[in-house]
Amino acid sequence: MNINESVINKTSKYFKKKGIILPKISELTEPNTISEDIKNKLKTIGKNDINPLNLFRVHWYNNRDHTAFSKSPEYILLPSEFTGVEAKIIVNLGRLFPLITTHKVLAAYACLLPRLLNGEFDYSKHKAVWPSTGNYCRGGIAISRILGLNSVAILPEGMSKERFEWLEKWVEDPKDIIKTKGTESNVKEIYDECRELEKNTDNDIINQFSEYSNYAIHRAVTGPSFTKSFLEVKKDTNLQARFYVSASGSSGTLAAGDYLKEHLNTKIAVVEATECPTLLYNGYGEHNIQGIGDKHVPLIHNVMNTDFVVGVSDQATNNLNLMFNTDIGQNYLKLKKGLQDIFVERLPEFGFSSIANIIASIKLAKYMNLGPEDAIITVATDGSELYSTELEKTKKEFHGIYDEISCAEIYGQFLKGITSEHTLELNQKEKERIFNLGYYTWVEQQGVDLNNFEKRRNQQFWLDHYEHILSLDDKIDVFNAL
């Protein structure tokens, strides 16, 4: 790793002129350690303002109106009347992150941070390229914009309209939005575009699927945050955190499971779409659970520490999204199923991948026959506001009349009728099978050195990346003080 002191000094001066202070990893892990001065200043700016102070909101502790930080991360404890299982399912909320209403902004900050601290990214000539299937590239654009850096977003043309509308407001030039062919599963097309852009050495490709800082930040920040929300639920009971459930996507969020496994002895379950069952069955296909399952195994997926794979159909997420976000559906849940108004009215806080994580958690609870003293920790990465146009598509594609009877059918098939099918417990051979699947993408197609690919079998490799990102606090202090 080359350290360029002249670029570091130049960037630090540039940031000082713009009033930029980089938050430390420890501050994002425990935001209540952030200085009172910064906390007070945050009260005067909006959560989506193009203001560098919003870097200090890039964590799990924002309260619901963003006026302050909570003592523990915001979460929803799903009632058993809703899930149909006795296990406690704790859903941590990503939509309270600033700028993009999803936690991917945390990963974007973490992936850019080492480049700034080492002088690898020169703001005067480099352009940050953010390839993704939607939320991560928005996070990258947001972080770049508030830091005054040039950037480009790459995402498939078939992603939700809301993502593109957001990008159009945030990029400085419409040409900085590059649309590739396909939808959620078409990641190779994104990589192909990156290869073309990489021919210009001023383009810095910050690929969430292969950036180990994406892994490390979630182990360092998201893991401890989810531990805190679990302990809030546990209190003085005998509740045990049995599983951590997270969709694959880039596999960054999955890394929180490595922290939870080490500190709470949880097992880790990865979720994917049954329409594209790559991990389950070496399969392929297209699906609409936007944000997960991209027809390959990400380089930053710590496969050898994963315990289960759970498949969820996009038919379930599409239909439940319809029921959760319409008056007809909500009234059915309140009046016919007896669910409390206060809970039902929070269902729009779950986006597509969030619903998938909830379904997978219920599947796992049934598969493992979990009881009232067992907990599953999962995550709602974003809310339904990013999928309003997808909701309208579902309405148009709905067979028959969408009414109370339809809601009963949706509830019966996709919620009450959840079974444990497409749930795979990973033994050593299954882990090796999934690990080996990554060879074709990363070694053959993307040119990753075989030895570097193989190192990922060893847990010390992942621990080193985790410890490295924790060590950045000292560098951040020096950088801020220059």
Protein backbone atom coordinates (compact mmCIF):
# COMPACT_ATOMS: atom_id res chain seq x y z
CA MET A 1 0.00 0.00 0.00
CA ASN A 2 1.43 3.35 -1.09
CA ILE A 3 1.00 6.29 1.27
CA ASN A 4 0.98 9.62 -0.57
CA GLU A 5 1.61 12.29 2.06
CA SER A 6 1.28 15.21 -0.34
CA VAL A 7 -2.21 14.11 -1.41
CA ILE A 8 -3.18 13.48 2.23
CA ASN A 9 -2.12 17.00 3.20
CA LYS A 10 -3.84 18.54 0.17
CA THR A 11 -7.09 16.68 0.87
CA SER A 12 -7.02 17.56 4.55
CA LYS A 13 -6.68 21.28 3.71
CA TYR A 14 -9.46 20.99 1.13
CA PHE A 15 -11.74 19.38 3.71
CA LYS A 16 -10.92 22.00 6.33
CA LYS A 17 -12.03 24.77 3.96
CA LYS A 18 -15.33 22.94 3.50
CA GLY A 19 -15.78 22.35 7.25
CA ILE A 20 -15.45 18.57 6.89
CA ILE A 21 -14.54 16.40 9.88
CA LEU A 22 -14.29 12.65 9.30
CA PRO A 23 -16.07 10.60 11.99
CA LYS A 24 -14.10 7.79 13.61
CA ILE A 25 -15.18 4.16 13.41
CA SER A 26 -15.61 4.14 17.19
CA GLU A 27 -17.96 7.13 16.95
CA LEU A 28 -20.15 5.34 14.40
CA THR A 29 -20.19 2.26 16.63
CA GLU A 30 -21.06 4.27 19.75
CA PRO A 31 -22.52 7.59 18.49
CA ASN A 32 -23.18 8.86 21.99
CA THR A 33 -19.38 9.42 22.20
CA ILE A 34 -19.63 12.06 19.47
CA SER A 35 -18.87 15.53 20.84
CA GLU A 36 -21.71 17.62 22.24
CA ASP A 37 -20.72 20.43 19.88
CA ILE A 38 -21.38 18.25 16.81
CA LYS A 39 -24.58 16.85 18.32
CA ASN A 40 -25.89 20.37 18.87
CA LYS A 41 -24.99 21.43 15.33
CA LEU A 42 -26.83 18.40 13.95
CA LYS A 43 -30.05 19.73 15.48
CA THR A 44 -29.88 22.64 13.04
CA ILE A 45 -29.56 20.65 9.80
CA GLY A 46 -31.86 18.20 8.03
CA LYS A 47 -30.99 14.52 7.73
CA ASN A 48 -30.86 14.78 3.93
CA ASP A 49 -29.05 18.10 3.64
CA ILE A 50 -25.88 18.25 1.56
CA ASN A 51 -23.88 19.01 4.66
CA PRO A 52 -20.72 17.18 5.83
CA LEU A 53 -22.05 17.10 9.40
CA ASN A 54 -24.45 14.40 8.20
CA LEU A 55 -21.46 12.04 8.23
CA PHE A 56 -22.08 11.92 11.98
CA ARG A 57 -25.51 10.41 11.33
CA VAL A 58 -24.08 7.48 9.34
CA HIS A 59 -24.90 4.90 12.02
CA TRP A 60 -27.74 2.83 13.52
CA TYR A 61 -28.60 5.15 16.45
CA ASN A 62 -30.61 7.92 14.79
CA ASN A 63 -33.96 8.38 16.50
CA ARG A 64 -37.14 8.48 14.48
CA ASP A 65 -37.27 12.25 13.98
CA HIS A 66 -33.47 12.65 13.73
CA THR A 67 -33.37 15.20 16.54
CA ALA A 68 -30.92 13.13 18.60
CA PHE A 69 -29.30 9.72 19.00
CA SER A 70 -31.07 6.85 20.73
CA LYS A 71 -29.54 4.85 23.58
CA SER A 72 -29.85 1.75 21.40
CA PRO A 73 -30.60 1.31 17.68
CA GLU A 74 -34.21 1.60 16.55
CA TYR A 75 -35.86 -1.77 15.93
CA ILE A 76 -39.25 -3.43 15.61
CA LEU A 77 -40.00 -6.58 17.61
CA LEU A 78 -42.41 -8.59 15.50
CA PRO A 79 -45.46 -9.88 17.42
CA SER A 80 -46.01 -13.65 17.41
CA GLU A 81 -49.57 -13.00 16.18
CA PHE A 82 -47.97 -11.69 12.99
CA THR A 83 -45.13 -14.20 12.56
CA GLY A 84 -46.94 -17.34 13.70
CA VAL A 85 -43.85 -18.46 15.64
CA GLU A 86 -42.89 -18.16 19.31
CA ALA A 87 -39.33 -16.96 18.64
CA LYS A 88 -38.61 -13.26 19.06
CA ILE A 89 -37.72 -11.70 15.70
CA ILE A 90 -35.90 -8.39 16.10
CA VAL A 91 -35.82 -6.20 12.97
CA ASN A 92 -33.21 -3.42 13.03
CA LEU A 93 -34.16 -0.40 10.91
CA GLY A 94 -31.90 0.89 8.14
CA ARG A 95 -34.24 3.55 6.81
CA LEU A 96 -33.20 5.97 9.58
CA PHE A 97 -29.77 6.45 8.02
CA PRO A 98 -29.35 9.94 6.52
CA LEU A 99 -29.16 11.07 2.90
CA ILE A 100 -30.49 7.88 1.25
CA THR A 101 -32.78 6.30 3.93
CA THR A 102 -30.80 3.06 3.92
CA HIS A 103 -27.67 1.78 5.63
CA LYS A 104 -25.63 1.47 2.40
CA VAL A 105 -24.34 4.97 3.03
CA LEU A 106 -22.27 3.45 5.86
CA ALA A 107 -20.60 1.01 3.47
CA ALA A 108 -19.88 3.80 0.99
CA TYR A 109 -18.17 5.90 3.66
CA ALA A 110 -16.10 2.93 4.81
CA CYS A 111 -14.95 2.04 1.29
CA LEU A 112 -13.86 5.60 0.48
CA LEU A 113 -12.26 6.29 3.87
CA PRO A 114 -8.99 4.28 3.49
CA ARG A 115 -8.39 5.87 0.09
CA LEU A 116 -8.59 9.33 1.66
CA LEU A 117 -6.43 8.46 4.66
CA ASN A 118 -3.70 6.89 2.49
CA GLY A 119 -3.72 9.58 -0.19
CA GLU A 120 -4.81 7.10 -2.85
CA PHE A 121 -7.75 9.28 -3.91
CA ASP A 122 -6.81 12.72 -5.21
CA TYR A 123 -9.92 14.93 -5.25
CA SER A 124 -8.36 17.19 -7.88
CA LYS A 125 -8.23 14.48 -10.54
CA HIS A 126 -9.91 11.24 -9.45
CA LYS A 127 -13.53 10.27 -9.89
CA ALA A 128 -15.19 7.77 -7.53
CA VAL A 129 -17.13 5.13 -9.49
CA TRP A 130 -19.88 3.42 -7.48
CA PRO A 131 -21.15 0.19 -9.12
CA SER A 132 -24.24 -1.30 -7.51
CA THR A 133 -27.78 -2.54 -7.94
CA GLY A 134 -29.16 0.63 -6.41
CA ASN A 135 -28.70 1.68 -2.81
CA TYR A 136 -24.90 1.48 -2.52
CA CYS A 137 -24.33 3.72 -5.54
CA ARG A 138 -26.75 6.24 -4.01
CA GLY A 139 -24.73 6.07 -0.80
CA GLY A 140 -21.54 6.62 -2.77
CA ILE A 141 -22.97 9.61 -4.63
CA ALA A 142 -24.22 11.11 -1.33
CA ILE A 143 -20.89 10.70 0.46
CA SER A 144 -18.98 12.04 -2.54
CA ARG A 145 -21.27 15.05 -2.88
CA ILE A 146 -21.00 16.17 0.75
CA LEU A 147 -17.21 15.73 0.59
CA GLY A 148 -16.92 17.69 -2.66
CA LEU A 149 -15.64 14.75 -4.74
CA ASN A 150 -16.43 13.81 -8.34
CA SER A 151 -18.37 10.56 -8.69
CA VAL A 152 -20.32 8.26 -11.01
CA ALA A 153 -23.19 5.85 -10.28
CA ILE A 154 -23.59 2.58 -12.19
CA LEU A 155 -26.75 0.51 -11.81
CA PRO A 156 -29.07 -1.68 -13.92
CA GLU A 157 -31.72 0.15 -15.92
CA GLY A 158 -34.46 -2.07 -14.48
CA MET A 159 -34.07 -0.95 -10.87
CA SER A 160 -36.87 0.99 -9.18
CA LYS A 161 -37.77 4.40 -10.57
CA GLU A 162 -37.33 5.96 -7.11
CA ARG A 163 -33.59 5.16 -7.15
CA PHE A 164 -33.11 7.00 -10.44
CA GLU A 165 -35.21 9.97 -9.31
CA TRP A 166 -32.99 10.33 -6.25
CA LEU A 167 -29.81 10.09 -8.32
CA GLU A 168 -31.03 12.72 -10.78
CA LYS A 169 -31.35 15.19 -7.90
CA TRP A 170 -27.92 14.43 -6.43
CA VAL A 171 -25.52 14.06 -9.35
CA GLU A 172 -24.05 17.26 -10.76
CA ASP A 173 -24.15 15.96 -14.34
CA PRO A 174 -26.79 13.53 -15.72
CA LYS A 175 -23.95 11.73 -17.53
CA ASP A 176 -22.74 10.59 -14.11
CA ILE A 177 -25.60 8.07 -14.02
CA ILE A 178 -24.71 5.02 -16.10
CA LYS A 179 -27.50 2.52 -16.73
CA THR A 180 -26.50 -1.04 -17.60
CA LYS A 181 -28.73 -3.70 -19.13
CA GLY A 182 -30.96 -5.88 -16.97
CA THR A 183 -32.14 -5.85 -13.39
CA GLU A 184 -31.09 -7.13 -9.96
CA SER A 185 -29.27 -10.25 -11.18
CA ASN A 186 -27.31 -8.61 -13.99
CA VAL A 187 -24.14 -7.77 -12.09
CA LYS A 188 -21.69 -9.00 -14.73
CA GLU A 189 -22.96 -6.24 -17.02
CA ILE A 190 -22.03 -3.75 -14.29
CA TYR A 191 -18.54 -5.27 -14.03
CA ASP A 192 -18.13 -5.05 -17.81
CA GLU A 193 -18.92 -1.33 -17.67
CA CYS A 194 -16.44 -0.88 -14.83
CA ARG A 195 -13.75 -2.56 -16.90
CA GLU A 196 -14.27 0.01 -19.64
CA LEU A 197 -14.17 2.90 -17.19
CA GLU A 198 -11.05 1.51 -15.54
CA LYS A 199 -9.10 2.12 -18.73
CA ASN A 200 -9.03 5.73 -17.59
CA THR A 201 -6.76 5.64 -14.54
CA ASP A 202 -8.51 8.68 -13.08
CA ASN A 203 -11.59 6.51 -12.46
CA ASP A 204 -11.42 4.77 -9.07
CA ILE A 205 -13.77 1.76 -9.09
CA ILE A 206 -15.14 1.28 -5.57
CA ASN A 207 -16.93 -2.06 -5.98
CA GLN A 208 -19.07 -3.04 -3.00
CA PHE A 209 -18.91 -6.72 -3.99
CA SER A 210 -15.13 -6.87 -3.66
CA GLU A 211 -14.27 -4.06 -1.21
CA TYR A 212 -13.24 -5.66 2.07
CA SER A 213 -13.96 -2.39 3.87
CA ASN A 214 -17.65 -3.08 3.14
CA TYR A 215 -17.27 -6.34 5.06
CA ALA A 216 -15.18 -4.82 7.84
CA ILE A 217 -17.41 -1.82 8.57
CA HIS A 218 -20.45 -4.01 9.17
CA ARG A 219 -18.50 -6.32 11.45
CA ALA A 220 -17.12 -3.28 13.30
CA VAL A 221 -20.23 -1.07 13.43
CA THR A 222 -23.38 -3.00 12.53
CA GLY A 223 -22.51 -6.06 14.62
CA PRO A 224 -22.08 -4.16 17.92
CA SER A 225 -25.16 -2.06 17.13
CA PHE A 226 -27.33 -5.15 16.66
CA THR A 227 -25.89 -6.60 19.85
CA LYS A 228 -27.10 -3.49 21.67
CA SER A 229 -30.66 -3.75 20.30
CA PHE A 230 -30.75 -7.46 21.18
CA LEU A 231 -29.69 -6.73 24.77
CA GLU A 232 -32.44 -4.10 24.93
CA VAL A 233 -34.98 -6.81 24.09
CA LYS A 234 -33.35 -9.44 26.30
CA LYS A 235 -33.12 -7.29 29.46
CA ASP A 236 -33.35 -9.64 32.46
CA THR A 237 -34.74 -12.66 30.59
CA ASN A 238 -33.13 -15.89 29.43
CA LEU A 239 -33.49 -14.90 25.77
CA GLN A 240 -30.75 -16.32 23.54
CA ALA A 241 -29.72 -14.87 20.17
CA ARG A 242 -29.88 -18.00 18.05
CA PHE A 243 -29.61 -16.65 14.50
CA TYR A 244 -28.65 -13.65 12.45
CA VAL A 245 -30.53 -13.46 9.16
CA SER A 246 -29.50 -11.21 6.27
CA ALA A 247 -29.96 -11.25 2.51
CA SER A 248 -26.84 -11.65 0.41
CA GLY A 249 -26.62 -8.61 -1.88
CA SER A 250 -22.97 -7.60 -1.70
CA SER A 251 -22.67 -9.62 1.55
CA GLY A 252 -21.48 -6.60 3.50
CA THR A 253 -24.37 -6.59 5.95
CA LEU A 254 -23.85 -10.32 6.47
CA ALA A 255 -20.55 -9.47 8.16
CA ALA A 256 -22.43 -8.28 11.23
CA GLY A 257 -23.11 -11.98 11.75
CA ASP A 258 -19.40 -12.66 12.28
CA TYR A 259 -19.42 -10.21 15.18
CA LEU A 260 -22.67 -11.64 16.57
CA LYS A 261 -21.34 -15.19 16.28
CA GLU A 262 -18.22 -14.24 18.22
CA HIS A 263 -20.04 -12.31 20.96
CA LEU A 264 -23.50 -13.91 21.18
CA ASN A 265 -22.83 -17.36 19.68
CA THR A 266 -25.42 -16.84 16.92
CA LYS A 267 -25.51 -18.82 13.71
CA ILE A 268 -25.58 -16.99 10.37
CA ALA A 269 -28.25 -17.45 7.70
CA VAL A 270 -28.03 -15.86 4.26
CA VAL A 271 -31.19 -15.12 2.26
CA GLU A 272 -31.59 -15.32 -1.50
CA ALA A 273 -34.42 -15.36 -4.04
CA THR A 274 -35.70 -18.78 -5.06
CA GLU A 275 -36.04 -17.35 -8.58
CA CYS A 276 -32.23 -17.00 -8.60
CA PRO A 277 -31.03 -19.76 -6.23
CA THR A 278 -27.27 -19.45 -6.72
CA LEU A 279 -26.21 -20.44 -3.21
CA LEU A 280 -28.97 -22.99 -2.73
CA TYR A 281 -28.77 -24.93 -5.99
CA ASN A 282 -26.00 -23.40 -8.16
CA GLY A 283 -28.95 -21.76 -9.92
CA TYR A 284 -29.60 -18.61 -11.89
CA GLY A 285 -32.49 -16.42 -12.98
CA GLU A 286 -34.20 -13.06 -12.59
CA HIS A 287 -36.10 -11.76 -9.57
CA ASN A 288 -37.55 -8.61 -8.05
CA ILE A 289 -36.28 -8.66 -4.46
CA GLN A 290 -34.21 -5.58 -5.19
CA GLY A 291 -30.98 -5.47 -3.21
CA ILE A 292 -30.29 -9.20 -2.89
CA GLY A 293 -29.09 -12.26 -4.81
CA ASP A 294 -26.99 -11.18 -7.75
CA LYS A 295 -26.30 -14.47 -9.57
CA HIS A 296 -22.81 -14.79 -8.12
CA VAL A 297 -20.97 -15.16 -4.82
CA PRO A 298 -19.52 -11.78 -3.73
CA LEU A 299 -15.81 -11.75 -3.01
CA ILE A 300 -16.52 -10.32 0.46
CA HIS A 301 -18.93 -13.11 1.46
CA ASN A 302 -17.28 -15.05 4.31
CA VAL A 303 -18.80 -18.30 3.08
CA MET A 304 -16.90 -20.61 5.42
CA ASN A 305 -18.51 -18.91 8.45
CA THR A 306 -22.08 -19.09 7.07
CA ASP A 307 -24.41 -21.75 8.53
CA PHE A 308 -27.68 -21.65 6.57
CA VAL A 309 -29.10 -20.53 3.24
CA VAL A 310 -32.81 -19.66 3.09
CA GLY A 311 -34.70 -19.10 -0.15
CA VAL A 312 -37.60 -16.63 -0.45
CA SER A 313 -39.78 -16.06 -3.53
CA ASP A 314 -40.28 -12.61 -4.98
CA GLN A 315 -43.96 -13.54 -5.30
CA ALA A 316 -44.06 -13.42 -1.51
CA THR A 317 -42.28 -10.08 -1.23
CA ASN A 318 -44.31 -8.48 -4.05
CA ASN A 319 -47.64 -9.56 -2.58
CA LEU A 320 -46.82 -8.79 1.04
CA ASN A 321 -45.50 -5.38 -0.03
CA LEU A 322 -48.92 -4.82 -1.60
CA MET A 323 -50.75 -5.82 1.56
CA PHE A 324 -48.47 -3.86 3.90
CA ASN A 325 -48.80 -0.62 1.92
CA THR A 326 -52.47 -0.34 1.02
CA ASP A 327 -55.49 0.62 3.12
CA ILE A 328 -57.26 -2.60 2.11
CA GLY A 329 -54.32 -4.71 3.28
CA GLN A 330 -53.73 -2.82 6.51
CA ASN A 331 -57.43 -2.87 7.39
CA TYR A 332 -57.50 -6.61 6.82
CA LEU A 333 -54.59 -7.12 9.21
CA LYS A 334 -56.15 -4.86 11.84
CA LEU A 335 -59.80 -5.89 11.64
CA LYS A 336 -59.64 -9.51 10.54
CA LYS A 337 -56.35 -10.66 12.08
CA GLY A 338 -56.49 -8.48 15.18
CA LEU A 339 -53.04 -6.95 14.84
CA GLN A 340 -52.50 -3.71 16.73
CA ASP A 341 -52.81 -0.49 14.75
CA ILE A 342 -49.46 0.79 15.99
CA PHE A 343 -47.69 -2.26 14.52
CA VAL A 344 -49.57 -2.43 11.22
CA GLU A 345 -48.93 1.23 10.56
CA ARG A 346 -45.20 0.57 10.79
CA LEU A 347 -45.19 -2.14 8.10
CA PRO A 348 -44.28 0.41 5.39
CA GLU A 349 -40.90 0.64 7.12
CA PHE A 350 -40.05 -2.67 5.42
CA GLY A 351 -38.80 -2.62 1.82
CA PHE A 352 -38.51 -5.68 -0.45
CA SER A 353 -35.32 -7.16 1.01
CA SER A 354 -36.59 -6.36 4.51
CA ILE A 355 -39.73 -8.43 3.89
CA ALA A 356 -37.51 -11.20 2.50
CA ASN A 357 -35.42 -11.17 5.69
CA ILE A 358 -38.58 -11.41 7.81
CA ILE A 359 -39.95 -14.32 5.78
CA ALA A 360 -36.60 -16.11 6.01
CA SER A 361 -36.50 -15.56 9.78
CA ILE A 362 -39.95 -17.14 10.12
CA LYS A 363 -38.86 -20.06 7.93
CA LEU A 364 -35.78 -20.60 10.06
CA ALA A 365 -37.78 -20.42 13.30
CA LYS A 366 -40.08 -23.13 11.95
CA TYR A 367 -37.22 -25.26 10.62
CA MET A 368 -35.40 -25.11 13.97
CA ASN A 369 -38.59 -25.29 16.06
CA LEU A 370 -37.51 -22.24 18.04
CA GLY A 371 -39.35 -21.28 21.21
CA PRO A 372 -40.11 -18.12 23.21
CA GLU A 373 -36.61 -17.93 24.70
CA ASP A 374 -34.99 -17.92 21.25
CA ALA A 375 -34.32 -14.75 19.25
CA ILE A 376 -33.55 -14.09 15.62
CA ILE A 377 -31.77 -10.84 14.76
CA THR A 378 -32.43 -9.45 11.29
CA VAL A 379 -32.45 -6.18 9.41
CA ALA A 380 -34.76 -3.95 7.37
CA THR A 381 -32.24 -2.35 5.06
CA ASP A 382 -34.71 0.15 3.61
CA GLY A 383 -38.40 1.06 3.59
CA SER A 384 -41.26 0.83 1.14
CA GLU A 385 -40.83 4.44 -0.03
CA LEU A 386 -38.18 3.20 -2.48
CA TYR A 387 -40.68 0.86 -4.13
CA SER A 388 -43.82 2.91 -4.76
CA THR A 389 -43.63 2.30 -8.50
CA GLU A 390 -43.05 -1.40 -7.90
CA LEU A 391 -46.23 -1.39 -5.80
CA GLU A 392 -48.16 0.05 -8.73
CA LYS A 393 -46.71 -2.67 -10.99
CA THR A 394 -47.90 -5.35 -8.57
CA LYS A 395 -51.40 -3.84 -8.54
CA LYS A 396 -51.54 -3.91 -12.34
CA GLU A 397 -50.25 -7.47 -12.50
CA PHE A 398 -52.60 -8.69 -9.76
CA HIS A 399 -54.90 -11.45 -11.00
CA GLY A 400 -58.54 -10.69 -10.23
CA ILE A 401 -59.91 -8.01 -7.92
CA TYR A 402 -57.71 -6.76 -5.10
CA ASP A 403 -60.06 -6.77 -2.12
CA GLU A 404 -60.41 -8.25 1.36
CA ILE A 405 -60.69 -11.77 -0.06
CA SER A 406 -57.47 -11.23 -1.99
CA CYS A 407 -55.77 -10.07 1.21
CA ALA A 408 -56.93 -13.24 2.96
CA GLU A 409 -55.37 -15.28 0.15
CA ILE A 410 -52.10 -13.31 0.32
CA TYR A 411 -52.00 -13.65 4.09
CA GLY A 412 -52.76 -17.36 3.95
CA GLN A 413 -50.24 -18.20 1.24
CA PHE A 414 -47.33 -15.87 1.94
CA LEU A 415 -47.45 -15.28 5.71
CA LYS A 416 -49.46 -17.86 7.62
CA GLY A 417 -48.54 -20.48 5.02
CA ILE A 418 -44.76 -20.00 5.32
CA THR A 419 -43.01 -23.36 5.37
CA SER A 420 -39.37 -24.31 5.87
CA GLU A 421 -38.84 -25.34 2.22
CA HIS A 422 -35.70 -24.02 0.51
CA THR A 423 -33.85 -23.98 3.84
CA LEU A 424 -30.38 -25.48 3.59
CA GLU A 425 -28.14 -26.22 6.58
CA LEU A 426 -24.55 -25.91 5.43
CA ASN A 427 -22.17 -28.73 6.24
CA GLN A 428 -18.49 -28.52 5.28
CA LYS A 429 -19.07 -29.83 1.76
CA GLU A 430 -21.87 -27.35 1.10
CA LYS A 431 -19.72 -24.47 2.31
CA GLU A 432 -16.92 -25.57 0.00
CA ARG A 433 -19.37 -25.86 -2.92
CA ILE A 434 -20.57 -22.29 -2.45
CA PHE A 435 -17.03 -21.02 -1.87
CA ASN A 436 -15.87 -22.65 -5.10
CA LEU A 437 -18.73 -21.05 -7.06
CA GLY A 438 -17.00 -17.72 -6.57
CA TYR A 439 -13.98 -18.87 -8.58
CA TYR A 440 -15.68 -18.32 -11.93
CA THR A 441 -16.60 -14.71 -11.25
CA TRP A 442 -13.52 -13.54 -9.41
CA VAL A 443 -10.56 -15.53 -10.71
CA GLU A 444 -11.61 -16.32 -14.28
CA GLN A 445 -13.64 -13.21 -15.10
CA GLN A 446 -12.33 -10.47 -12.80
CA GLY A 447 -8.68 -11.53 -12.58
CA VAL A 448 -8.34 -11.92 -8.81
CA ASP A 449 -5.12 -13.77 -7.95
CA LEU A 450 -5.89 -17.39 -7.05
CA ASN A 451 -3.85 -17.25 -3.84
CA ASN A 452 -5.73 -14.14 -2.72
CA PHE A 453 -9.00 -15.88 -3.55
CA GLU A 454 -8.03 -18.95 -1.49
CA LYS A 455 -6.95 -16.91 1.55
CA ARG A 456 -10.63 -16.20 2.15
CA ARG A 457 -11.15 -19.74 3.48
CA ASN A 458 -9.28 -18.82 6.66
CA GLN A 459 -11.11 -16.89 9.39
CA GLN A 460 -7.92 -15.03 10.29
CA PHE A 461 -8.14 -13.32 6.89
CA TRP A 462 -11.50 -11.78 7.83
CA LEU A 463 -10.39 -10.96 11.36
CA ASP A 464 -7.42 -9.03 9.96
CA HIS A 465 -9.72 -6.85 7.85
CA TYR A 466 -11.94 -6.22 10.86
CA GLU A 467 -8.99 -5.22 13.03
CA HIS A 468 -7.59 -3.03 10.26
CA ILE A 469 -10.71 -0.89 10.01
CA LEU A 470 -10.76 -0.50 13.79
CA SER A 471 -7.17 0.77 13.58
CA LEU A 472 -8.17 3.62 11.26
CA ASP A 473 -9.28 5.79 14.19
CA ASP A 474 -5.70 6.92 14.82
CA LYS A 475 -5.26 7.88 11.17
CA ILE A 476 -8.56 9.75 11.23
CA ASP A 477 -7.43 11.75 14.25
CA VAL A 478 -4.19 12.69 12.47
CA PHE A 479 -5.99 13.55 9.23
CA ASN A 480 -8.55 15.76 10.98
CA ALA A 481 -5.78 17.55 12.88
CA LEU A 482 -3.56 18.35 9.88
